[in-house]
Amino acid sequence: MQYKNFGKFLRYKRKKDMPLKSLNNFAFDNNIEPALLSRVENLKQDIKLSVIEKVASAFNIKVSELMKEYEDYYINSLK
């Protein structure tokens, strides 16, 4: 599984599940540096596990559930 495009998925999920929350608000609410989140979403920086854990927590799901959603998103993007 490729995780290179995880940032693209993260942006998609954030906008789908929290459409009224800006990147800055999402980041601040979840103790993530906004600049870091921006770089991840723009595929300029890889995401660390500690940030993935914070993102999963923000969506009230387990890391494994978040990764399963990413895998589904990734597979569908290849079609």
C-alpha atoms as a PDB file:
ATOM      1  CA  MET A   1       0.000   0.000   0.000  1.00  0.00           C
ATOM      2  CA  GLN A   2       1.278   3.446  -0.939  1.00  0.00           C
ATOM      3  CA  TYR A   3       0.951   6.124   1.747  1.00  0.00           C
ATOM      4  CA  LYS A   4       2.459   8.889  -0.333  1.00  0.00           C
ATOM      5  CA  ASN A   5      -0.940  10.453  -1.040  1.00  0.00           C
ATOM      6  CA  PHE A   6      -2.215  10.276   2.526  1.00  0.00           C
ATOM      7  CA  GLY A   7      -2.334  14.071   2.677  1.00  0.00           C
ATOM      8  CA  LYS A   8      -4.727  14.187  -0.259  1.00  0.00           C
ATOM      9  CA  PHE A   9      -7.002  11.732   1.562  1.00  0.00           C
ATOM     10  CA  LEU A  10      -6.720  13.737   4.768  1.00  0.00           C
ATOM     11  CA  ARG A  11      -7.854  16.917   3.020  1.00  0.00           C
ATOM     12  CA  TYR A  12     -10.762  15.022   1.400  1.00  0.00           C
ATOM     13  CA  LYS A  13     -11.878  13.489   4.727  1.00  0.00           C
ATOM     14  CA  ARG A  14     -11.501  16.719   6.673  1.00  0.00           C
ATOM     15  CA  LYS A  15     -13.604  18.663   4.159  1.00  0.00           C
ATOM     16  CA  LYS A  16     -16.186  15.874   3.859  1.00  0.00           C
ATOM     17  CA  ASP A  17     -16.616  15.192   7.577  1.00  0.00           C
ATOM     18  CA  MET A  18     -16.032  18.723   8.908  1.00  0.00           C
ATOM     19  CA  PRO A  19     -16.945  21.071   6.042  1.00  0.00           C
ATOM     20  CA  LEU A  20     -17.283  24.166   8.209  1.00  0.00           C
ATOM     21  CA  LYS A  21     -13.951  23.733   9.980  1.00  0.00           C
ATOM     22  CA  SER A  22     -10.908  25.389   8.423  1.00  0.00           C
ATOM     23  CA  LEU A  23      -7.515  23.732   8.296  1.00  0.00           C
ATOM     24  CA  ASN A  24      -6.302  26.102  11.019  1.00  0.00           C
ATOM     25  CA  ASN A  25      -9.235  25.367  13.321  1.00  0.00           C
ATOM     26  CA  PHE A  26      -8.938  21.621  12.749  1.00  0.00           C
ATOM     27  CA  ALA A  27      -5.211  21.783  13.495  1.00  0.00           C
ATOM     28  CA  PHE A  28      -5.530  23.954  16.605  1.00  0.00           C
ATOM     29  CA  ASP A  29      -8.423  21.884  17.990  1.00  0.00           C
ATOM     30  CA  ASN A  30      -6.325  18.739  17.684  1.00  0.00           C
ATOM     31  CA  ASN A  31      -2.927  20.031  18.807  1.00  0.00           C
ATOM     32  CA  ILE A  32      -1.380  19.837  15.328  1.00  0.00           C
ATOM     33  CA  GLU A  33       0.771  22.599  13.879  1.00  0.00           C
ATOM     34  CA  PRO A  34      -1.293  24.227  11.087  1.00  0.00           C
ATOM     35  CA  ALA A  35       1.784  24.628   8.880  1.00  0.00           C
ATOM     36  CA  LEU A  36       2.604  20.941   9.285  1.00  0.00           C
ATOM     37  CA  LEU A  37      -0.948  19.924   8.403  1.00  0.00           C
ATOM     38  CA  SER A  38      -0.854  22.188   5.353  1.00  0.00           C
ATOM     39  CA  ARG A  39       2.425  20.664   4.155  1.00  0.00           C
ATOM     40  CA  VAL A  40       1.017  17.157   4.623  1.00  0.00           C
ATOM     41  CA  GLU A  41      -2.200  17.981   2.758  1.00  0.00           C
ATOM     42  CA  ASN A  42      -0.203  19.568  -0.068  1.00  0.00           C
ATOM     43  CA  LEU A  43       2.049  16.494  -0.284  1.00  0.00           C
ATOM     44  CA  LYS A  44       5.129  18.503   0.671  1.00  0.00           C
ATOM     45  CA  GLN A  45       5.837  16.466   3.808  1.00  0.00           C
ATOM     46  CA  ASP A  46       5.186  12.913   4.960  1.00  0.00           C
ATOM     47  CA  ILE A  47       2.907  12.406   7.926  1.00  0.00           C
ATOM     48  CA  LYS A  48       4.189  10.946  11.189  1.00  0.00           C
ATOM     49  CA  LEU A  49       2.370   8.305  13.192  1.00  0.00           C
ATOM     50  CA  SER A  50       1.868  10.747  16.063  1.00  0.00           C
ATOM     51  CA  VAL A  51      -0.063  13.059  13.727  1.00  0.00           C
ATOM     52  CA  ILE A  52      -2.078  10.163  12.294  1.00  0.00           C
ATOM     53  CA  GLU A  53      -3.080   9.296  15.868  1.00  0.00           C
ATOM     54  CA  LYS A  54      -4.243  12.874  16.470  1.00  0.00           C
ATOM     55  CA  VAL A  55      -6.190  12.896  13.207  1.00  0.00           C
ATOM     56  CA  ALA A  56      -7.911   9.608  14.046  1.00  0.00           C
ATOM     57  CA  SER A  57      -8.799  10.980  17.454  1.00  0.00           C
ATOM     58  CA  ALA A  58     -10.246  14.117  15.839  1.00  0.00           C
ATOM     59  CA  PHE A  59     -12.620  11.927  13.837  1.00  0.00           C
ATOM     60  CA  ASN A  60     -13.369   9.750  16.898  1.00  0.00           C
ATOM     61  CA  ILE A  61     -12.094   6.610  15.201  1.00  0.00           C
ATOM     62  CA  LYS A  62      -9.208   4.205  15.705  1.00  0.00           C
ATOM     63  CA  VAL A  63      -6.036   4.564  13.662  1.00  0.00           C
ATOM     64  CA  SER A  64      -6.836   1.221  12.018  1.00  0.00           C
ATOM     65  CA  GLU A  65     -10.231   2.554  10.887  1.00  0.00           C
ATOM     66  CA  LEU A  66      -8.622   5.688   9.472  1.00  0.00           C
ATOM     67  CA  MET A  67      -6.091   3.593   7.562  1.00  0.00           C
ATOM     68  CA  LYS A  68      -8.855   1.336   6.215  1.00  0.00           C
ATOM     69  CA  GLU A  69     -10.700   4.426   4.953  1.00  0.00           C
ATOM     70  CA  TYR A  70      -7.475   5.603   3.328  1.00  0.00           C
ATOM     71  CA  GLU A  71      -6.972   2.239   1.636  1.00  0.00           C
ATOM     72  CA  ASP A  72     -10.540   2.345   0.276  1.00  0.00           C
ATOM     73  CA  TYR A  73     -10.001   5.930  -0.926  1.00  0.00           C
ATOM     74  CA  TYR A  74      -6.691   4.980  -2.545  1.00  0.00           C
ATOM     75  CA  ILE A  75      -8.112   1.911  -4.310  1.00  0.00           C
ATOM     76  CA  ASN A  76     -11.086   3.917  -5.603  1.00  0.00           C
ATOM     77  CA  SER A  77      -8.771   6.644  -6.887  1.00  0.00           C
ATOM     78  CA  LEU A  78      -7.017   4.051  -9.079  1.00  0.00           C
ATOM     79  CA  LYS A  79     -10.229   3.139 -10.897  1.00  0.00           C
END
